[in-house]
Amino acid sequence: MKNVFSTLSIFVITALLSGCVPTEKSVIKKSANYLEVEVTDNGCAQNLSEASDLAYDDTKQILYIIGDKGDFYQCSVKATKDMITLDYISSTSISHNFSSIDAEGLTINPETGELIISTEGTNANIYPLTSEGGINGSYDLPNVLKNATFNSTNTIFEAVSYDNNFGILTAAEQPINKKALTDQTIYSLDGDSWNFAAEDYSQSSVTALESTNDGNVIVLERAQSNTTDFYITLKKVFINDECKNKNICNNEIIYQALWEGGNFEGITKINDAYLLINDGQGQVDALFKAFKIK
């Protein structure tokens, strides 16, 4: 996400939040099925810069993380039913042939171990990514996305996930073709789509997707309340044949809260838990948060 405020606003944010840890200010909604999971972080978050998304390789027990400016990180993972422990391993820059890169979404194909990245900006697309952080080639987009009108170059392929039934899924940060902000859609690269209702907040945006073990999708939404606060919503969207390509899919809000500095933009599944990361935009500390759905 790029700052939408003036230079003065950016200065105010920096002055207020520099070096701060994101704080949950108030909970708006929380499902009875939502359970917090403890995260022990041994140096992973402190090495991140503007983290955009996460992907977990269950075979290697490695957490991959990308940053807006093309940074690529690896941390090791130890997960029990009650705790996720992270240890920093390494960082590098994503190698590519573009003039620049705005990395936003990251996921993994669990069958092949291939990483998949989505980008915004001039070279907005969805690409395969090696475990060393290299881009070579791209995926073919369906016509609905090839011919889409986006709100801006910074609201394109913000989110990507891999679903065992439907393959690669993506969502634009804001709805395409000048639709209302609440009229959001998840797209498969095969050309299918699932409509759902996004939250009715100013500047409401989809920032990440993650497939669930029962064949649905967790959507992470973010809306900026003021210069320091963000509304964060986690909702489960029930994608199925009944709502594919036509009706609005049902959804359930798992968690919704107002955060100071909590600009969460990334999510990945680790066993039966979900791990989140915020984009501090160089002004707020990175923070991991994890939960389960009973």
Protein backbone atom coordinates (compact mmCIF):
# COMPACT_ATOMS: atom_id res chain seq x y z
CA MET A 1 0.00 0.00 0.00
CA LYS A 2 1.26 3.47 -0.85
CA ASN A 3 0.56 6.42 1.44
CA VAL A 4 -2.47 8.38 0.28
CA PHE A 5 -1.83 11.33 2.56
CA SER A 6 0.13 14.53 2.03
CA THR A 7 3.76 15.03 2.97
CA LEU A 8 2.60 16.81 6.13
CA SER A 9 0.45 13.83 7.09
CA ILE A 10 3.38 11.48 6.55
CA PHE A 11 5.49 13.66 8.84
CA VAL A 12 2.76 13.55 11.51
CA ILE A 13 2.51 9.74 11.29
CA THR A 14 6.27 9.40 11.63
CA ALA A 15 6.39 11.72 14.62
CA LEU A 16 3.55 9.93 16.39
CA LEU A 17 4.43 6.31 15.66
CA SER A 18 8.16 6.03 15.01
CA GLY A 19 9.44 2.94 16.81
CA CYS A 20 6.00 2.05 18.22
CA VAL A 21 4.56 -1.44 18.45
CA PRO A 22 1.07 -1.75 16.89
CA THR A 23 -1.66 -1.83 19.54
CA GLU A 24 -5.18 -3.24 19.45
CA LYS A 25 -7.31 -0.30 20.61
CA SER A 26 -10.78 -1.88 20.56
CA VAL A 27 -12.50 -5.03 19.33
CA ILE A 28 -15.58 -4.43 17.18
CA LYS A 29 -16.55 -8.04 16.40
CA LYS A 30 -15.06 -11.39 17.30
CA SER A 31 -16.42 -14.81 16.43
CA ALA A 32 -16.81 -17.35 19.23
CA ASN A 33 -14.65 -19.58 17.02
CA TYR A 34 -11.70 -17.15 17.07
CA LEU A 35 -8.74 -18.24 19.22
CA GLU A 36 -5.51 -16.30 19.76
CA VAL A 37 -2.25 -18.19 19.22
CA GLU A 38 0.99 -17.11 20.90
CA VAL A 39 3.92 -16.08 18.67
CA THR A 40 7.53 -16.18 19.91
CA ASP A 41 9.66 -14.13 17.54
CA ASN A 42 13.44 -14.49 17.74
CA GLY A 43 14.56 -11.66 15.48
CA CYS A 44 12.35 -12.23 12.43
CA ALA A 45 10.16 -9.11 12.69
CA GLN A 46 13.01 -6.76 13.57
CA ASN A 47 14.69 -7.55 10.24
CA LEU A 48 11.62 -6.76 8.12
CA SER A 49 11.03 -3.60 6.12
CA GLU A 50 7.51 -2.79 4.90
CA ALA A 51 6.36 -6.42 4.98
CA SER A 52 3.61 -7.14 2.46
CA ASP A 53 2.79 -10.83 2.66
CA LEU A 54 3.80 -14.28 3.94
CA ALA A 55 3.94 -17.84 2.65
CA TYR A 56 4.74 -20.94 4.69
CA ASP A 57 6.47 -24.01 3.24
CA ASP A 58 5.30 -26.87 5.44
CA THR A 59 7.85 -29.32 4.00
CA LYS A 60 10.85 -27.10 4.72
CA GLN A 61 9.26 -25.38 7.75
CA ILE A 62 10.31 -22.05 6.29
CA LEU A 63 8.37 -18.80 6.39
CA TYR A 64 8.92 -16.62 3.31
CA ILE A 65 8.19 -12.89 3.53
CA ILE A 66 8.19 -10.16 0.89
CA GLY A 67 8.42 -6.39 1.31
CA ASP A 68 6.99 -3.57 -0.81
CA LYS A 69 10.39 -2.59 -2.22
CA GLY A 70 11.27 -6.11 -3.35
CA ASP A 71 12.89 -7.45 -0.19
CA PHE A 72 12.73 -11.24 0.31
CA TYR A 73 13.14 -12.82 3.75
CA GLN A 74 13.29 -16.30 5.23
CA CYS A 75 12.59 -17.33 8.82
CA SER A 76 12.40 -20.82 10.31
CA VAL A 77 9.18 -22.03 11.92
CA LYS A 78 8.44 -24.32 14.85
CA ALA A 79 4.73 -24.78 15.41
CA THR A 80 2.80 -26.54 18.16
CA LYS A 81 -0.94 -26.39 18.78
CA ASP A 82 -0.43 -23.48 21.19
CA MET A 83 2.55 -21.54 19.84
CA ILE A 84 4.40 -20.47 16.70
CA THR A 85 8.14 -19.80 17.11
CA LEU A 86 10.03 -17.84 14.46
CA ASP A 87 13.79 -17.49 13.98
CA TYR A 88 15.37 -15.15 11.44
CA ILE A 89 17.47 -16.80 8.72
CA SER A 90 18.27 -14.42 5.85
CA SER A 91 17.23 -11.58 3.56
CA THR A 92 17.96 -10.66 -0.04
CA SER A 93 16.40 -8.68 -2.89
CA ILE A 94 14.01 -10.22 -5.39
CA SER A 95 15.85 -10.56 -8.70
CA HIS A 96 13.90 -9.46 -11.79
CA ASN A 97 14.21 -7.66 -15.13
CA PHE A 98 11.89 -4.78 -14.27
CA SER A 99 12.89 -1.18 -13.66
CA SER A 100 11.27 -1.51 -10.23
CA ILE A 101 8.98 -3.87 -8.33
CA ASP A 102 6.07 -3.32 -5.94
CA ALA A 103 5.69 -6.73 -4.27
CA GLU A 104 2.35 -7.20 -2.52
CA GLY A 105 1.01 -10.78 -2.44
CA LEU A 106 2.77 -14.09 -1.74
CA THR A 107 1.59 -17.69 -1.57
CA ILE A 108 2.84 -21.24 -2.17
CA ASN A 109 1.57 -24.18 -4.15
CA PRO A 110 1.72 -26.93 -1.50
CA GLU A 111 1.81 -29.65 -4.14
CA THR A 112 4.90 -28.37 -5.96
CA GLY A 113 6.48 -26.02 -3.38
CA GLU A 114 6.48 -23.21 -5.98
CA LEU A 115 6.17 -19.70 -4.59
CA ILE A 116 3.79 -17.28 -6.31
CA ILE A 117 4.00 -13.49 -6.08
CA SER A 118 1.61 -10.72 -7.09
CA THR A 119 2.64 -7.13 -7.79
CA GLU A 120 1.26 -3.66 -8.32
CA GLY A 121 2.62 -0.71 -10.25
CA THR A 122 4.04 -0.64 -13.76
CA ASN A 123 4.69 -4.37 -13.97
CA ALA A 124 1.56 -5.50 -12.14
CA ASN A 125 1.05 -9.22 -12.67
CA ILE A 126 1.31 -12.63 -11.00
CA TYR A 127 4.65 -14.43 -11.25
CA PRO A 128 6.37 -17.63 -10.14
CA LEU A 129 9.09 -16.93 -7.56
CA THR A 130 11.98 -19.23 -6.71
CA SER A 131 12.93 -19.98 -3.11
CA GLU A 132 16.05 -17.86 -3.74
CA GLY A 133 13.85 -14.89 -4.69
CA GLY A 134 14.06 -14.90 -8.49
CA ILE A 135 11.28 -14.08 -10.97
CA ASN A 136 11.39 -15.75 -14.38
CA GLY A 137 8.22 -15.72 -16.47
CA SER A 138 4.63 -14.89 -15.53
CA TYR A 139 1.20 -16.49 -15.32
CA ASP A 140 -1.45 -15.84 -17.95
CA LEU A 141 -4.26 -13.69 -16.59
CA PRO A 142 -7.94 -14.18 -17.47
CA ASN A 143 -9.48 -11.60 -19.79
CA VAL A 144 -11.52 -10.04 -16.98
CA LEU A 145 -8.23 -8.96 -15.34
CA LYS A 146 -6.31 -8.26 -18.55
CA ASN A 147 -8.98 -5.79 -19.64
CA ALA A 148 -9.87 -4.39 -16.21
CA THR A 149 -9.88 -0.75 -15.22
CA PHE A 150 -8.19 -0.41 -11.81
CA ASN A 151 -8.62 2.50 -9.41
CA SER A 152 -4.90 3.21 -9.70
CA THR A 153 -1.62 1.43 -10.42
CA ASN A 154 -1.31 0.91 -6.65
CA THR A 155 -4.60 -0.96 -6.24
CA ILE A 156 -4.01 -3.88 -8.61
CA PHE A 157 -2.89 -7.40 -7.55
CA GLU A 158 -2.63 -6.80 -3.82
CA ALA A 159 -3.47 -10.38 -2.78
CA VAL A 160 -2.78 -13.90 -4.02
CA SER A 161 -3.46 -17.37 -2.63
CA TYR A 162 -3.42 -20.98 -3.81
CA ASP A 163 -6.52 -23.14 -3.50
CA ASN A 164 -6.39 -26.92 -3.94
CA ASN A 165 -9.66 -26.88 -5.92
CA PHE A 166 -9.40 -23.66 -7.94
CA GLY A 167 -5.65 -23.05 -8.25
CA ILE A 168 -4.24 -19.52 -8.03
CA LEU A 169 -6.66 -16.95 -6.61
CA THR A 170 -6.20 -13.19 -6.56
CA ALA A 171 -8.01 -10.00 -5.60
CA ALA A 172 -7.43 -6.36 -6.42
CA GLU A 173 -6.90 -4.03 -3.49
CA GLN A 174 -10.09 -2.22 -4.51
CA PRO A 175 -12.84 -3.41 -6.90
CA ILE A 176 -12.16 -3.18 -10.63
CA ASN A 177 -14.17 -1.33 -13.29
CA LYS A 178 -15.33 1.44 -10.94
CA LYS A 179 -17.55 -0.79 -8.82
CA ALA A 180 -18.42 0.28 -5.28
CA LEU A 181 -15.75 -0.40 -2.64
CA THR A 182 -18.01 -2.94 -0.97
CA ASP A 183 -18.52 -4.97 -4.19
CA GLN A 184 -15.38 -7.10 -4.01
CA THR A 185 -14.41 -10.18 -5.99
CA ILE A 186 -11.95 -13.07 -5.76
CA TYR A 187 -10.70 -14.27 -9.15
CA SER A 188 -9.10 -17.53 -10.25
CA LEU A 189 -6.59 -17.54 -13.09
CA ASP A 190 -8.89 -20.05 -14.81
CA GLY A 191 -11.49 -17.29 -15.23
CA ASP A 192 -13.88 -18.08 -12.37
CA SER A 193 -14.89 -15.46 -9.80
CA TRP A 194 -16.62 -15.17 -6.42
CA ASN A 195 -18.29 -11.94 -5.32
CA PHE A 196 -18.49 -10.94 -1.66
CA ALA A 197 -19.35 -7.90 0.43
CA ALA A 198 -16.37 -5.93 1.71
CA GLU A 199 -16.60 -3.70 4.77
CA ASP A 200 -18.19 -0.27 4.39
CA TYR A 201 -15.26 1.83 5.58
CA SER A 202 -13.66 4.74 3.75
CA GLN A 203 -10.70 3.50 1.64
CA SER A 204 -11.63 -0.10 2.45
CA SER A 205 -9.14 -2.46 0.81
CA VAL A 206 -8.45 -6.17 0.47
CA THR A 207 -4.84 -6.73 1.52
CA ALA A 208 -4.44 -10.53 1.61
CA LEU A 209 -6.07 -13.89 0.93
CA GLU A 210 -5.45 -17.34 2.43
CA SER A 211 -7.18 -20.61 1.61
CA THR A 212 -8.65 -22.58 4.50
CA ASN A 213 -8.47 -26.30 5.22
CA ASP A 214 -12.19 -26.65 4.43
CA GLY A 215 -11.93 -25.15 0.94
CA ASN A 216 -12.92 -21.56 1.62
CA VAL A 217 -10.93 -18.30 1.82
CA ILE A 218 -9.87 -16.00 4.65
CA VAL A 219 -9.92 -12.39 3.43
CA LEU A 220 -7.90 -9.73 5.24
CA GLU A 221 -9.31 -6.22 4.86
CA ARG A 222 -7.84 -2.93 5.98
CA ALA A 223 -9.20 0.61 6.14
CA GLN A 224 -7.43 3.67 7.49
CA SER A 225 -9.45 5.50 10.14
CA ASN A 226 -7.08 8.45 10.58
CA THR A 227 -3.34 9.11 10.37
CA THR A 228 -2.55 6.44 12.96
CA ASP A 229 -5.46 4.00 13.20
CA PHE A 230 -6.62 1.13 11.00
CA TYR A 231 -9.77 -0.97 10.93
CA ILE A 232 -8.70 -4.60 10.44
CA THR A 233 -11.20 -7.27 9.41
CA LEU A 234 -10.69 -11.00 8.99
CA LYS A 235 -13.59 -12.70 7.28
CA LYS A 236 -14.20 -16.19 5.97
CA VAL A 237 -15.71 -16.14 2.49
CA PHE A 238 -17.52 -19.33 1.53
CA ILE A 239 -16.54 -19.91 -2.09
CA ASN A 240 -18.50 -22.68 -3.80
CA ASP A 241 -20.26 -23.55 -7.05
CA GLU A 242 -23.51 -21.97 -5.85
CA CYS A 243 -22.02 -18.46 -5.78
CA LYS A 244 -19.29 -18.93 -8.41
CA ASN A 245 -19.53 -16.42 -11.28
CA LYS A 246 -22.93 -15.11 -10.18
CA ASN A 247 -24.38 -14.62 -6.69
CA ILE A 248 -22.73 -12.96 -3.70
CA CYS A 249 -20.96 -15.53 -1.52
CA ASN A 250 -21.79 -15.75 2.16
CA ASN A 251 -19.15 -14.62 4.62
CA GLU A 252 -18.52 -14.67 8.35
CA ILE A 253 -16.51 -12.05 10.24
CA ILE A 254 -13.94 -13.87 12.34
CA TYR A 255 -12.30 -10.79 13.85
CA GLN A 256 -12.64 -7.03 13.48
CA ALA A 257 -10.82 -4.40 15.50
CA LEU A 258 -9.40 -0.90 15.49
CA TRP A 259 -5.59 -0.82 15.70
CA GLU A 260 -3.11 1.95 16.28
CA GLY A 261 -0.41 1.39 13.66
CA GLY A 262 -1.80 -2.05 12.82
CA ASN A 263 -1.62 -1.96 9.03
CA PHE A 264 -1.85 -5.74 8.55
CA GLU A 265 -1.23 -6.76 4.94
CA GLY A 266 -0.06 -10.38 5.02
CA ILE A 267 -1.44 -13.76 6.07
CA THR A 268 -0.39 -17.39 5.74
CA LYS A 269 -1.58 -20.71 7.10
CA ILE A 270 0.71 -22.67 9.43
CA ASN A 271 -0.86 -26.06 10.13
CA ASP A 272 -4.29 -25.11 11.52
CA ALA A 273 -3.29 -21.58 12.53
CA TYR A 274 -3.08 -18.32 10.59
CA LEU A 275 -0.15 -15.91 10.93
CA LEU A 276 -0.48 -12.18 10.18
CA ILE A 277 2.14 -9.47 9.59
CA ASN A 278 1.76 -5.69 9.42
CA ASP A 279 3.38 -3.21 7.04
CA GLY A 280 4.92 -0.60 9.29
CA GLN A 281 5.84 1.59 6.30
CA GLY A 282 9.14 2.42 7.99
CA GLN A 283 7.32 4.13 10.86
CA VAL A 284 5.97 1.31 13.05
CA ASP A 285 7.60 -1.91 14.27
CA ALA A 286 6.72 -5.13 12.47
CA LEU A 287 4.43 -7.39 14.49
CA PHE A 288 3.32 -10.99 14.02
CA LYS A 289 -0.16 -11.97 15.19
CA ALA A 290 -1.67 -15.48 15.00
CA PHE A 291 -5.08 -17.07 15.48
CA LYS A 292 -7.05 -20.26 14.94
CA ILE A 293 -10.65 -20.90 13.95
CA LYS A 294 -12.30 -23.54 16.13
